[in-house]
């Protein structure tokens, strides 16, 4: 029984020596304070939370420096264009309606206001917008989605020249920033719906584009995008390549006696007419718009399976249905 006790005492001595060595080695570190260690907080003192630099507070000014613009030009005219061509195969119409503005030596800035069904929409719009506006284009992106993580915010600002904006309201800070950018010659891409469609149909327009146009005098260009919801709509895990169509409308200016609500309704009506034109033709869409019978972007009023069934029939008429159509061949009766 003596042997185990002797070993136990020896082990305890070794453990004590090890503790003393560690304490002695750590003693110099105790003299180091802030910034090598977190500062001590006295009891009863509440430390204010650090101001977040993400979301709507993310600084994007660096993304408009010459170096960032050069990198973005390589991205948009290289990988982004190839990706859009491979996934969306776009057909662009209506650019002749912008000829009066684009033929100027120094085209004025404009606000592009398309409908929104997919993350593909932004790349598709950047690819479709004429070069005279594409070079100075900024994109209004949801602050709570594209700017919630630093890597995502940096990538969005660099590749898309995106600027964070609140989905629900156009805050004073964002409004002033967009006003200054428009005054400097930048054009703006903003989605009046505020977010992607949750069910494949459109949503009611919010007044951000109308408000900025009324405040700055910059025209709004209505745009209708067809087909992206079937390619990579909300809830889809992976894209399904297909065909798309982008229809540009005539520029709209705010009237002298027109408030933001009426102007916003006029912008939504213009996009609605372009949606009808994308599915039918110019003459049919113009007649329906004059009669007030254009099919609504928001779809039929009823809910449930009938709404989804009508969406399928609706998509068959447009670019999204083109990939599903099979070529009919007459039988050889000879």
C-alpha atoms as a PDB file:
ATOM      1  CA  UNK A   1       0.000   0.000   0.000  1.00  0.00           C
ATOM      2  CA  UNK A   2       3.039   2.269   0.369  1.00  0.00           C
ATOM      3  CA  UNK A   3       3.764   2.363  -3.360  1.00  0.00           C
ATOM      4  CA  UNK A   4       0.453   3.858  -4.457  1.00  0.00           C
ATOM      5  CA  UNK A   5       0.612   6.600  -1.803  1.00  0.00           C
ATOM      6  CA  UNK A   6       4.127   7.546  -2.880  1.00  0.00           C
ATOM      7  CA  UNK A   7       3.038   7.820  -6.522  1.00  0.00           C
ATOM      8  CA  UNK A   8       0.001   9.886  -5.538  1.00  0.00           C
ATOM      9  CA  UNK A   9       2.112  12.400  -3.601  1.00  0.00           C
ATOM     10  CA  UNK A  10       4.570  12.630  -6.504  1.00  0.00           C
ATOM     11  CA  UNK A  11       1.719  13.335  -8.925  1.00  0.00           C
ATOM     12  CA  UNK A  12       0.332  16.066  -6.703  1.00  0.00           C
ATOM     13  CA  UNK A  13       3.760  17.742  -6.518  1.00  0.00           C
ATOM     14  CA  UNK A  14       4.117  17.657 -10.308  1.00  0.00           C
ATOM     15  CA  UNK A  15       0.644  19.142 -10.748  1.00  0.00           C
ATOM     16  CA  UNK A  16       1.453  21.953  -8.330  1.00  0.00           C
ATOM     17  CA  UNK A  17       4.685  22.765 -10.144  1.00  0.00           C
ATOM     18  CA  UNK A  18       2.860  22.854 -13.498  1.00  0.00           C
ATOM     19  CA  UNK A  19       0.278  25.298 -12.129  1.00  0.00           C
ATOM     20  CA  UNK A  20       3.025  27.567 -10.770  1.00  0.00           C
ATOM     21  CA  UNK A  21       4.812  27.542 -14.134  1.00  0.00           C
ATOM     22  CA  UNK A  22       1.625  28.512 -15.988  1.00  0.00           C
ATOM     23  CA  UNK A  23       0.826  31.278 -13.505  1.00  0.00           C
ATOM     24  CA  UNK A  24       4.348  32.650 -13.760  1.00  0.00           C
ATOM     25  CA  UNK A  25       4.224  32.637 -17.564  1.00  0.00           C
ATOM     26  CA  UNK A  26       0.854  34.411 -17.582  1.00  0.00           C
ATOM     27  CA  UNK A  27       1.872  37.087 -15.081  1.00  0.00           C
ATOM     28  CA  UNK A  28       3.383  39.500 -17.690  1.00  0.00           C
ATOM     29  CA  UNK A  29       0.138  39.395 -19.744  1.00  0.00           C
ATOM     30  CA  UNK A  30      -1.830  40.788 -16.806  1.00  0.00           C
ATOM     31  CA  UNK A  31      -0.069  44.122 -17.202  1.00  0.00           C
ATOM     32  CA  UNK A  32      -1.405  44.569 -20.717  1.00  0.00           C
ATOM     33  CA  UNK A  33      -4.735  46.332 -20.956  1.00  0.00           C
ATOM     34  CA  UNK A  34      -6.781  47.867 -23.765  1.00  0.00           C
ATOM     35  CA  UNK A  35      -6.526  47.359 -26.743  1.00  0.00           C
ATOM     36  CA  UNK A  36      -4.951  43.942 -26.095  1.00  0.00           C
ATOM     37  CA  UNK A  37      -7.811  43.067 -23.782  1.00  0.00           C
ATOM     38  CA  UNK A  38     -11.408  44.240 -23.655  1.00  0.00           C
ATOM     39  CA  UNK A  39     -11.783  47.293 -21.401  1.00  0.00           C
ATOM     40  CA  UNK A  40     -13.302  46.864 -17.990  1.00  0.00           C
ATOM     41  CA  UNK A  41     -16.824  48.179 -17.567  1.00  0.00           C
ATOM     42  CA  UNK A  42     -17.723  49.624 -14.172  1.00  0.00           C
ATOM     43  CA  UNK A  43     -20.802  48.231 -12.515  1.00  0.00           C
ATOM     44  CA  UNK A  44     -23.951  50.199 -13.221  1.00  0.00           C
ATOM     45  CA  UNK A  45     -22.633  51.605 -16.498  1.00  0.00           C
ATOM     46  CA  UNK A  46     -24.510  50.664 -19.683  1.00  0.00           C
ATOM     47  CA  UNK A  47     -22.293  50.474 -22.730  1.00  0.00           C
ATOM     48  CA  UNK A  48     -24.124  51.704 -25.881  1.00  0.00           C
ATOM     49  CA  UNK A  49     -24.366  49.228 -28.728  1.00  0.00           C
ATOM     50  CA  UNK A  50     -21.984  49.699 -31.626  1.00  0.00           C
ATOM     51  CA  UNK A  51     -23.531  51.283 -34.692  1.00  0.00           C
ATOM     52  CA  UNK A  52     -24.132  48.678 -37.369  1.00  0.00           C
ATOM     53  CA  UNK A  53     -22.276  49.117 -40.642  1.00  0.00           C
ATOM     54  CA  UNK A  54     -24.497  46.649 -42.497  1.00  0.00           C
ATOM     55  CA  UNK A  55     -27.982  46.942 -43.935  1.00  0.00           C
ATOM     56  CA  UNK A  56     -29.026  50.466 -44.783  1.00  0.00           C
ATOM     57  CA  UNK A  57     -25.850  51.804 -43.106  1.00  0.00           C
ATOM     58  CA  UNK A  58     -23.433  50.004 -45.426  1.00  0.00           C
ATOM     59  CA  UNK A  59     -21.103  52.452 -47.185  1.00  0.00           C
ATOM     60  CA  UNK A  60     -21.116  51.978 -50.965  1.00  0.00           C
ATOM     61  CA  UNK A  61     -19.244  55.104 -52.031  1.00  0.00           C
ATOM     62  CA  UNK A  62     -16.073  53.056 -52.632  1.00  0.00           C
ATOM     63  CA  UNK A  63     -17.948  51.062 -55.303  1.00  0.00           C
ATOM     64  CA  UNK A  64     -18.036  54.150 -57.545  1.00  0.00           C
ATOM     65  CA  UNK A  65     -14.290  54.791 -57.532  1.00  0.00           C
ATOM     66  CA  UNK A  66     -12.427  54.390 -60.854  1.00  0.00           C
ATOM     67  CA  UNK A  67     -10.887  51.056 -59.806  1.00  0.00           C
ATOM     68  CA  UNK A  68     -14.238  49.598 -58.732  1.00  0.00           C
ATOM     69  CA  UNK A  69     -15.926  50.853 -61.914  1.00  0.00           C
ATOM     70  CA  UNK A  70     -13.254  49.197 -64.043  1.00  0.00           C
ATOM     71  CA  UNK A  71     -13.687  45.899 -62.183  1.00  0.00           C
ATOM     72  CA  UNK A  72     -17.468  46.127 -62.503  1.00  0.00           C
ATOM     73  CA  UNK A  73     -17.207  46.743 -66.233  1.00  0.00           C
ATOM     74  CA  UNK A  74     -15.246  43.513 -66.613  1.00  0.00           C
ATOM     75  CA  UNK A  75     -17.799  41.626 -64.500  1.00  0.00           C
ATOM     76  CA  UNK A  76     -20.927  42.943 -66.237  1.00  0.00           C
ATOM     77  CA  UNK A  77     -19.630  42.673 -69.788  1.00  0.00           C
ATOM     78  CA  UNK A  78     -17.996  39.286 -69.172  1.00  0.00           C
ATOM     79  CA  UNK A  79     -19.315  36.668 -66.708  1.00  0.00           C
ATOM     80  CA  UNK A  80     -22.633  38.393 -66.000  1.00  0.00           C
ATOM     81  CA  UNK A  81     -23.543  38.806 -69.667  1.00  0.00           C
ATOM     82  CA  UNK A  82     -22.592  35.206 -70.462  1.00  0.00           C
ATOM     83  CA  UNK A  83     -24.631  33.934 -67.515  1.00  0.00           C
ATOM     84  CA  UNK A  84     -27.706  35.910 -68.539  1.00  0.00           C
ATOM     85  CA  UNK A  85     -27.426  34.737 -72.139  1.00  0.00           C
ATOM     86  CA  UNK A  86     -27.105  31.109 -71.041  1.00  0.00           C
ATOM     87  CA  UNK A  87     -29.917  31.131 -68.481  1.00  0.00           C
ATOM     88  CA  UNK A  88     -32.430  33.685 -69.798  1.00  0.00           C
ATOM     89  CA  UNK A  89     -31.890  34.029 -73.599  1.00  0.00           C
ATOM     90  CA  UNK A  90     -33.462  37.521 -73.605  1.00  0.00           C
ATOM     91  CA  UNK A  91     -35.382  39.262 -76.367  1.00  0.00           C
ATOM     92  CA  UNK A  92     -35.313  43.049 -75.911  1.00  0.00           C
ATOM     93  CA  UNK A  93     -37.899  45.326 -77.541  1.00  0.00           C
ATOM     94  CA  UNK A  94     -39.019  48.937 -77.179  1.00  0.00           C
ATOM     95  CA  UNK A  95     -35.562  50.536 -77.201  1.00  0.00           C
ATOM     96  CA  UNK A  96     -36.736  52.797 -80.017  1.00  0.00           C
ATOM     97  CA  UNK A  97     -38.972  54.540 -77.466  1.00  0.00           C
ATOM     98  CA  UNK A  98     -35.819  55.784 -75.738  1.00  0.00           C
ATOM     99  CA  UNK A  99     -34.222  57.110 -78.925  1.00  0.00           C
ATOM    100  CA  UNK A 100     -35.048  60.763 -78.187  1.00  0.00           C
ATOM    101  CA  UNK A 101     -33.066  60.531 -74.943  1.00  0.00           C
ATOM    102  CA  UNK A 102     -30.280  58.166 -75.969  1.00  0.00           C
ATOM    103  CA  UNK A 103     -29.306  60.003 -79.150  1.00  0.00           C
ATOM    104  CA  UNK A 104     -28.160  63.021 -77.151  1.00  0.00           C
ATOM    105  CA  UNK A 105     -24.423  63.564 -76.814  1.00  0.00           C
ATOM    106  CA  UNK A 106     -24.879  63.440 -73.040  1.00  0.00           C
ATOM    107  CA  UNK A 107     -28.046  61.395 -72.321  1.00  0.00           C
ATOM    108  CA  UNK A 108     -29.847  62.556 -69.157  1.00  0.00           C
ATOM    109  CA  UNK A 109     -30.220  60.163 -66.209  1.00  0.00           C
ATOM    110  CA  UNK A 110     -33.401  58.101 -66.007  1.00  0.00           C
ATOM    111  CA  UNK A 111     -35.139  55.839 -63.494  1.00  0.00           C
ATOM    112  CA  UNK A 112     -35.865  52.342 -64.806  1.00  0.00           C
ATOM    113  CA  UNK A 113     -38.926  50.809 -63.086  1.00  0.00           C
ATOM    114  CA  UNK A 114     -39.554  47.150 -64.036  1.00  0.00           C
ATOM    115  CA  UNK A 115     -41.707  44.467 -62.456  1.00  0.00           C
ATOM    116  CA  UNK A 116     -39.853  41.972 -60.268  1.00  0.00           C
ATOM    117  CA  UNK A 117     -40.182  38.175 -60.197  1.00  0.00           C
ATOM    118  CA  UNK A 118     -36.652  36.805 -59.817  1.00  0.00           C
ATOM    119  CA  UNK A 119     -33.041  37.469 -58.822  1.00  0.00           C
ATOM    120  CA  UNK A 120     -32.338  37.054 -62.546  1.00  0.00           C
ATOM    121  CA  UNK A 121     -34.119  40.379 -63.169  1.00  0.00           C
ATOM    122  CA  UNK A 122     -31.202  42.605 -62.143  1.00  0.00           C
ATOM    123  CA  UNK A 123     -28.633  40.872 -64.336  1.00  0.00           C
ATOM    124  CA  UNK A 124     -31.149  40.807 -67.183  1.00  0.00           C
ATOM    125  CA  UNK A 125     -31.811  44.537 -66.849  1.00  0.00           C
ATOM    126  CA  UNK A 126     -28.114  45.409 -66.698  1.00  0.00           C
ATOM    127  CA  UNK A 127     -27.587  43.401 -69.870  1.00  0.00           C
ATOM    128  CA  UNK A 128     -30.609  44.995 -71.639  1.00  0.00           C
ATOM    129  CA  UNK A 129     -30.228  48.675 -70.700  1.00  0.00           C
ATOM    130  CA  UNK A 130     -28.400  50.686 -73.407  1.00  0.00           C
ATOM    131  CA  UNK A 131     -24.714  51.312 -72.771  1.00  0.00           C
ATOM    132  CA  UNK A 132     -25.160  55.072 -72.466  1.00  0.00           C
ATOM    133  CA  UNK A 133     -27.029  54.474 -69.159  1.00  0.00           C
ATOM    134  CA  UNK A 134     -25.504  51.147 -68.166  1.00  0.00           C
ATOM    135  CA  UNK A 135     -22.088  52.676 -67.441  1.00  0.00           C
ATOM    136  CA  UNK A 136     -23.524  54.957 -64.737  1.00  0.00           C
ATOM    137  CA  UNK A 137     -26.311  52.688 -63.476  1.00  0.00           C
ATOM    138  CA  UNK A 138     -26.942  52.190 -59.758  1.00  0.00           C
ATOM    139  CA  UNK A 139     -29.289  49.519 -58.429  1.00  0.00           C
ATOM    140  CA  UNK A 140     -31.628  49.971 -55.463  1.00  0.00           C
ATOM    141  CA  UNK A 141     -31.341  46.689 -53.539  1.00  0.00           C
ATOM    142  CA  UNK A 142     -33.136  45.483 -50.420  1.00  0.00           C
ATOM    143  CA  UNK A 143     -31.023  46.360 -47.394  1.00  0.00           C
ATOM    144  CA  UNK A 144     -32.315  43.423 -45.344  1.00  0.00           C
ATOM    145  CA  UNK A 145     -31.358  40.851 -47.989  1.00  0.00           C
ATOM    146  CA  UNK A 146     -28.366  41.991 -50.041  1.00  0.00           C
ATOM    147  CA  UNK A 147     -26.659  43.888 -47.219  1.00  0.00           C
ATOM    148  CA  UNK A 148     -27.237  41.638 -44.189  1.00  0.00           C
ATOM    149  CA  UNK A 149     -23.726  40.095 -44.367  1.00  0.00           C
ATOM    150  CA  UNK A 150     -20.461  41.851 -45.173  1.00  0.00           C
ATOM    151  CA  UNK A 151     -19.405  39.497 -47.973  1.00  0.00           C
ATOM    152  CA  UNK A 152     -22.821  39.751 -49.627  1.00  0.00           C
ATOM    153  CA  UNK A 153     -22.913  43.537 -49.275  1.00  0.00           C
ATOM    154  CA  UNK A 154     -19.407  43.915 -50.738  1.00  0.00           C
ATOM    155  CA  UNK A 155     -20.205  41.641 -53.689  1.00  0.00           C
ATOM    156  CA  UNK A 156     -23.502  43.426 -54.418  1.00  0.00           C
ATOM    157  CA  UNK A 157     -21.900  46.861 -54.301  1.00  0.00           C
ATOM    158  CA  UNK A 158     -18.960  45.859 -56.505  1.00  0.00           C
ATOM    159  CA  UNK A 159     -20.685  43.703 -59.127  1.00  0.00           C
ATOM    160  CA  UNK A 160     -24.050  45.518 -59.379  1.00  0.00           C
ATOM    161  CA  UNK A 161     -23.272  49.002 -58.021  1.00  0.00           C
ATOM    162  CA  UNK A 162     -26.101  48.267 -55.582  1.00  0.00           C
ATOM    163  CA  UNK A 163     -27.216  50.714 -52.894  1.00  0.00           C
ATOM    164  CA  UNK A 164     -29.206  49.552 -49.826  1.00  0.00           C
ATOM    165  CA  UNK A 165     -32.787  50.742 -49.611  1.00  0.00           C
ATOM    166  CA  UNK A 166     -35.629  49.983 -47.222  1.00  0.00           C
ATOM    167  CA  UNK A 167     -38.325  47.834 -48.842  1.00  0.00           C
ATOM    168  CA  UNK A 168     -41.227  49.575 -47.166  1.00  0.00           C
ATOM    169  CA  UNK A 169     -40.372  53.269 -47.243  1.00  0.00           C
ATOM    170  CA  UNK A 170     -37.846  55.504 -48.931  1.00  0.00           C
ATOM    171  CA  UNK A 171     -35.984  56.967 -45.947  1.00  0.00           C
ATOM    172  CA  UNK A 172     -34.593  60.481 -45.886  1.00  0.00           C
ATOM    173  CA  UNK A 173     -30.987  59.240 -46.054  1.00  0.00           C
ATOM    174  CA  UNK A 174     -31.628  56.951 -49.047  1.00  0.00           C
ATOM    175  CA  UNK A 175     -33.711  59.610 -50.766  1.00  0.00           C
ATOM    176  CA  UNK A 176     -30.963  62.209 -50.421  1.00  0.00           C
ATOM    177  CA  UNK A 177     -28.355  59.730 -51.668  1.00  0.00           C
ATOM    178  CA  UNK A 178     -30.382  58.846 -54.762  1.00  0.00           C
ATOM    179  CA  UNK A 179     -31.092  62.520 -55.427  1.00  0.00           C
ATOM    180  CA  UNK A 180     -27.385  63.321 -55.326  1.00  0.00           C
ATOM    181  CA  UNK A 181     -26.523  60.371 -57.569  1.00  0.00           C
ATOM    182  CA  UNK A 182     -29.170  61.361 -60.123  1.00  0.00           C
ATOM    183  CA  UNK A 183     -27.861  64.925 -60.035  1.00  0.00           C
ATOM    184  CA  UNK A 184     -24.352  63.586 -60.745  1.00  0.00           C
ATOM    185  CA  UNK A 185     -25.586  61.814 -63.885  1.00  0.00           C
ATOM    186  CA  UNK A 186     -26.190  58.308 -62.535  1.00  0.00           C
ATOM    187  CA  UNK A 187     -29.289  56.412 -63.644  1.00  0.00           C
ATOM    188  CA  UNK A 188     -31.285  54.261 -61.246  1.00  0.00           C
ATOM    189  CA  UNK A 189     -32.801  50.789 -61.415  1.00  0.00           C
ATOM    190  CA  UNK A 190     -35.542  50.404 -58.809  1.00  0.00           C
ATOM    191  CA  UNK A 191     -38.282  47.787 -58.416  1.00  0.00           C
ATOM    192  CA  UNK A 192     -41.541  49.543 -57.460  1.00  0.00           C
ATOM    193  CA  UNK A 193     -43.010  46.277 -56.138  1.00  0.00           C
ATOM    194  CA  UNK A 194     -40.434  46.309 -53.340  1.00  0.00           C
ATOM    195  CA  UNK A 195     -39.525  42.622 -53.669  1.00  0.00           C
ATOM    196  CA  UNK A 196     -39.901  39.483 -55.729  1.00  0.00           C
ATOM    197  CA  UNK A 197     -43.353  38.109 -56.415  1.00  0.00           C
ATOM    198  CA  UNK A 198     -44.311  35.462 -53.829  1.00  0.00           C
ATOM    199  CA  UNK A 199     -46.684  33.517 -56.098  1.00  0.00           C
ATOM    200  CA  UNK A 200     -45.740  34.354 -59.699  1.00  0.00           C
ATOM    201  CA  UNK A 201     -48.175  37.252 -60.079  1.00  0.00           C
ATOM    202  CA  UNK A 202     -47.281  40.902 -59.683  1.00  0.00           C
ATOM    203  CA  UNK A 203     -47.679  43.063 -56.581  1.00  0.00           C
ATOM    204  CA  UNK A 204     -48.999  46.554 -55.982  1.00  0.00           C
ATOM    205  CA  UNK A 205     -46.451  49.266 -56.771  1.00  0.00           C
ATOM    206  CA  UNK A 206     -44.926  51.316 -53.981  1.00  0.00           C
ATOM    207  CA  UNK A 207     -44.241  55.006 -54.550  1.00  0.00           C
ATOM    208  CA  UNK A 208     -40.417  55.084 -54.409  1.00  0.00           C
ATOM    209  CA  UNK A 209     -39.812  55.606 -58.128  1.00  0.00           C
ATOM    210  CA  UNK A 210     -42.615  58.179 -58.415  1.00  0.00           C
ATOM    211  CA  UNK A 211     -41.357  60.073 -55.366  1.00  0.00           C
ATOM    212  CA  UNK A 212     -37.768  60.262 -56.614  1.00  0.00           C
ATOM    213  CA  UNK A 213     -38.900  61.319 -60.077  1.00  0.00           C
ATOM    214  CA  UNK A 214     -41.156  64.039 -58.656  1.00  0.00           C
ATOM    215  CA  UNK A 215     -38.377  65.293 -56.412  1.00  0.00           C
ATOM    216  CA  UNK A 216     -35.644  65.367 -59.077  1.00  0.00           C
ATOM    217  CA  UNK A 217     -37.527  65.813 -62.360  1.00  0.00           C
ATOM    218  CA  UNK A 218     -35.807  62.712 -63.797  1.00  0.00           C
ATOM    219  CA  UNK A 219     -38.101  60.663 -66.089  1.00  0.00           C
ATOM    220  CA  UNK A 220     -39.260  57.138 -65.235  1.00  0.00           C
ATOM    221  CA  UNK A 221     -38.893  54.435 -67.889  1.00  0.00           C
ATOM    222  CA  UNK A 222     -41.478  51.671 -67.328  1.00  0.00           C
ATOM    223  CA  UNK A 223     -40.199  48.179 -68.146  1.00  0.00           C
ATOM    224  CA  UNK A 224     -41.899  44.792 -68.253  1.00  0.00           C
ATOM    225  CA  UNK A 225     -39.899  41.584 -67.753  1.00  0.00           C
ATOM    226  CA  UNK A 226     -41.514  38.314 -68.832  1.00  0.00           C
ATOM    227  CA  UNK A 227     -40.270  34.796 -68.131  1.00  0.00           C
ATOM    228  CA  UNK A 228     -37.895  35.144 -65.187  1.00  0.00           C
ATOM    229  CA  UNK A 229     -40.416  33.844 -62.665  1.00  0.00           C
ATOM    230  CA  UNK A 230     -40.453  30.482 -64.417  1.00  0.00           C
ATOM    231  CA  UNK A 231     -36.645  30.424 -64.589  1.00  0.00           C
ATOM    232  CA  UNK A 232     -35.771  31.232 -60.983  1.00  0.00           C
ATOM    233  CA  UNK A 233     -38.800  32.446 -59.076  1.00  0.00           C
ATOM    234  CA  UNK A 234     -39.060  32.896 -55.344  1.00  0.00           C
ATOM    235  CA  UNK A 235     -38.764  29.551 -53.568  1.00  0.00           C
ATOM    236  CA  UNK A 236     -36.958  27.744 -56.402  1.00  0.00           C
ATOM    237  CA  UNK A 237     -33.718  26.052 -55.329  1.00  0.00           C
ATOM    238  CA  UNK A 238     -31.999  26.127 -58.707  1.00  0.00           C
ATOM    239  CA  UNK A 239     -32.612  27.976 -61.994  1.00  0.00           C
ATOM    240  CA  UNK A 240     -34.274  26.314 -64.970  1.00  0.00           C
ATOM    241  CA  UNK A 241     -32.934  27.905 -68.166  1.00  0.00           C
ATOM    242  CA  UNK A 242     -35.593  29.366 -70.439  1.00  0.00           C
ATOM    243  CA  UNK A 243     -36.471  32.371 -72.552  1.00  0.00           C
ATOM    244  CA  UNK A 244     -37.277  35.900 -71.424  1.00  0.00           C
ATOM    245  CA  UNK A 245     -38.537  39.128 -72.910  1.00  0.00           C
ATOM    246  CA  UNK A 246     -37.798  42.698 -71.836  1.00  0.00           C
ATOM    247  CA  UNK A 247     -40.108  45.450 -73.109  1.00  0.00           C
ATOM    248  CA  UNK A 248     -39.131  49.106 -72.576  1.00  0.00           C
ATOM    249  CA  UNK A 249     -41.837  51.761 -72.509  1.00  0.00           C
ATOM    250  CA  UNK A 250     -41.863  55.466 -73.259  1.00  0.00           C
ATOM    251  CA  UNK A 251     -40.405  57.761 -70.572  1.00  0.00           C
ATOM    252  CA  UNK A 252     -42.843  59.311 -68.109  1.00  0.00           C
ATOM    253  CA  UNK A 253     -42.487  62.719 -66.416  1.00  0.00           C
ATOM    254  CA  UNK A 254     -44.437  63.971 -63.399  1.00  0.00           C
ATOM    255  CA  UNK A 255     -47.198  66.423 -64.195  1.00  0.00           C
ATOM    256  CA  UNK A 256     -47.305  69.808 -62.484  1.00  0.00           C
ATOM    257  CA  UNK A 257     -50.544  69.104 -60.591  1.00  0.00           C
ATOM    258  CA  UNK A 258     -49.902  65.389 -59.980  1.00  0.00           C
ATOM    259  CA  UNK A 259     -49.154  63.997 -56.538  1.00  0.00           C
ATOM    260  CA  UNK A 260     -46.964  60.955 -55.890  1.00  0.00           C
ATOM    261  CA  UNK A 261     -49.918  58.570 -55.570  1.00  0.00           C
ATOM    262  CA  UNK A 262     -51.415  59.440 -58.952  1.00  0.00           C
ATOM    263  CA  UNK A 263     -48.000  59.420 -60.599  1.00  0.00           C
ATOM    264  CA  UNK A 264     -47.272  55.990 -59.119  1.00  0.00           C
ATOM    265  CA  UNK A 265     -50.601  54.705 -60.456  1.00  0.00           C
ATOM    266  CA  UNK A 266     -49.673  56.004 -63.902  1.00  0.00           C
ATOM    267  CA  UNK A 267     -46.312  54.178 -63.755  1.00  0.00           C
ATOM    268  CA  UNK A 268     -48.039  50.943 -62.742  1.00  0.00           C
ATOM    269  CA  UNK A 269     -50.572  51.351 -65.567  1.00  0.00           C
ATOM    270  CA  UNK A 270     -47.713  51.806 -68.053  1.00  0.00           C
ATOM    271  CA  UNK A 271     -45.968  48.614 -66.881  1.00  0.00           C
ATOM    272  CA  UNK A 272     -49.331  46.809 -67.021  1.00  0.00           C
ATOM    273  CA  UNK A 273     -49.803  47.886 -70.638  1.00  0.00           C
ATOM    274  CA  UNK A 274     -46.296  46.680 -71.501  1.00  0.00           C
ATOM    275  CA  UNK A 275     -47.119  43.332 -69.907  1.00  0.00           C
ATOM    276  CA  UNK A 276     -50.141  43.016 -72.160  1.00  0.00           C
ATOM    277  CA  UNK A 277     -48.011  44.001 -75.147  1.00  0.00           C
ATOM    278  CA  UNK A 278     -45.452  41.310 -74.273  1.00  0.00           C
ATOM    279  CA  UNK A 279     -48.176  38.644 -74.366  1.00  0.00           C
ATOM    280  CA  UNK A 280     -50.178  39.964 -77.359  1.00  0.00           C
ATOM    281  CA  UNK A 281     -49.120  42.847 -79.616  1.00  0.00           C
ATOM    282  CA  UNK A 282     -48.824  46.620 -79.583  1.00  0.00           C
ATOM    283  CA  UNK A 283     -52.223  47.336 -81.116  1.00  0.00           C
ATOM    284  CA  UNK A 284     -54.182  44.973 -78.848  1.00  0.00           C
ATOM    285  CA  UNK A 285     -52.411  46.280 -75.741  1.00  0.00           C
ATOM    286  CA  UNK A 286     -53.042  49.904 -76.734  1.00  0.00           C
ATOM    287  CA  UNK A 287     -56.754  49.321 -77.315  1.00  0.00           C
ATOM    288  CA  UNK A 288     -57.164  47.525 -73.991  1.00  0.00           C
ATOM    289  CA  UNK A 289     -55.264  50.254 -72.142  1.00  0.00           C
ATOM    290  CA  UNK A 290     -57.496  52.938 -73.694  1.00  0.00           C
ATOM    291  CA  UNK A 291     -60.587  50.973 -72.666  1.00  0.00           C
ATOM    292  CA  UNK A 292     -59.202  50.257 -69.181  1.00  0.00           C
ATOM    293  CA  UNK A 293     -59.391  46.484 -69.713  1.00  0.00           C
ATOM    294  CA  UNK A 294     -55.690  45.559 -69.570  1.00  0.00           C
ATOM    295  CA  UNK A 295     -55.082  42.331 -67.597  1.00  0.00           C
ATOM    296  CA  UNK A 296     -53.866  43.232 -64.121  1.00  0.00           C
ATOM    297  CA  UNK A 297     -50.271  42.486 -63.133  1.00  0.00           C
ATOM    298  CA  UNK A 298     -51.549  41.202 -59.809  1.00  0.00           C
ATOM    299  CA  UNK A 299     -53.574  38.485 -61.520  1.00  0.00           C
ATOM    300  CA  UNK A 300     -57.175  37.370 -60.939  1.00  0.00           C
ATOM    301  CA  UNK A 301     -58.958  38.255 -57.707  1.00  0.00           C
ATOM    302  CA  UNK A 302     -59.787  34.690 -56.700  1.00  0.00           C
ATOM    303  CA  UNK A 303     -57.388  32.579 -54.632  1.00  0.00           C
ATOM    304  CA  UNK A 304     -56.274  28.962 -54.366  1.00  0.00           C
ATOM    305  CA  UNK A 305     -55.750  26.490 -57.171  1.00  0.00           C
ATOM    306  CA  UNK A 306     -57.655  28.605 -59.713  1.00  0.00           C
ATOM    307  CA  UNK A 307     -55.084  31.398 -59.319  1.00  0.00           C
ATOM    308  CA  UNK A 308     -52.202  28.970 -59.854  1.00  0.00           C
ATOM    309  CA  UNK A 309     -53.954  27.371 -62.829  1.00  0.00           C
ATOM    310  CA  UNK A 310     -54.515  30.788 -64.383  1.00  0.00           C
ATOM    311  CA  UNK A 311     -50.819  31.581 -63.834  1.00  0.00           C
ATOM    312  CA  UNK A 312     -49.855  28.502 -65.864  1.00  0.00           C
ATOM    313  CA  UNK A 313     -52.154  29.556 -68.681  1.00  0.00           C
ATOM    314  CA  UNK A 314     -50.790  33.088 -68.466  1.00  0.00           C
ATOM    315  CA  UNK A 315     -47.187  31.914 -68.771  1.00  0.00           C
ATOM    316  CA  UNK A 316     -47.955  29.830 -71.843  1.00  0.00           C
ATOM    317  CA  UNK A 317     -48.723  33.047 -73.726  1.00  0.00           C
ATOM    318  CA  UNK A 318     -45.359  34.663 -73.017  1.00  0.00           C
ATOM    319  CA  UNK A 319     -41.668  33.957 -73.259  1.00  0.00           C
ATOM    320  CA  UNK A 320     -41.808  31.493 -70.365  1.00  0.00           C
ATOM    321  CA  UNK A 321     -44.071  29.204 -72.371  1.00  0.00           C
ATOM    322  CA  UNK A 322     -41.828  29.176 -75.407  1.00  0.00           C
ATOM    323  CA  UNK A 323     -39.465  26.593 -73.932  1.00  0.00           C
ATOM    324  CA  UNK A 324     -42.344  24.208 -73.252  1.00  0.00           C
ATOM    325  CA  UNK A 325     -43.861  24.360 -76.706  1.00  0.00           C
ATOM    326  CA  UNK A 326     -43.149  21.457 -78.998  1.00  0.00           C
ATOM    327  CA  UNK A 327     -42.864  21.832 -82.729  1.00  0.00           C
ATOM    328  CA  UNK A 328     -45.923  20.346 -84.417  1.00  0.00           C
ATOM    329  CA  UNK A 329     -45.305  18.289 -87.505  1.00  0.00           C
ATOM    330  CA  UNK A 330     -47.998  17.272 -89.925  1.00  0.00           C
ATOM    331  CA  UNK A 331     -48.059  13.537 -90.575  1.00  0.00           C
ATOM    332  CA  UNK A 332     -46.691  12.337 -93.893  1.00  0.00           C
ATOM    333  CA  UNK A 333     -49.763  11.128 -95.807  1.00  0.00           C
ATOM    334  CA  UNK A 334     -47.964  10.755 -99.105  1.00  0.00           C
END
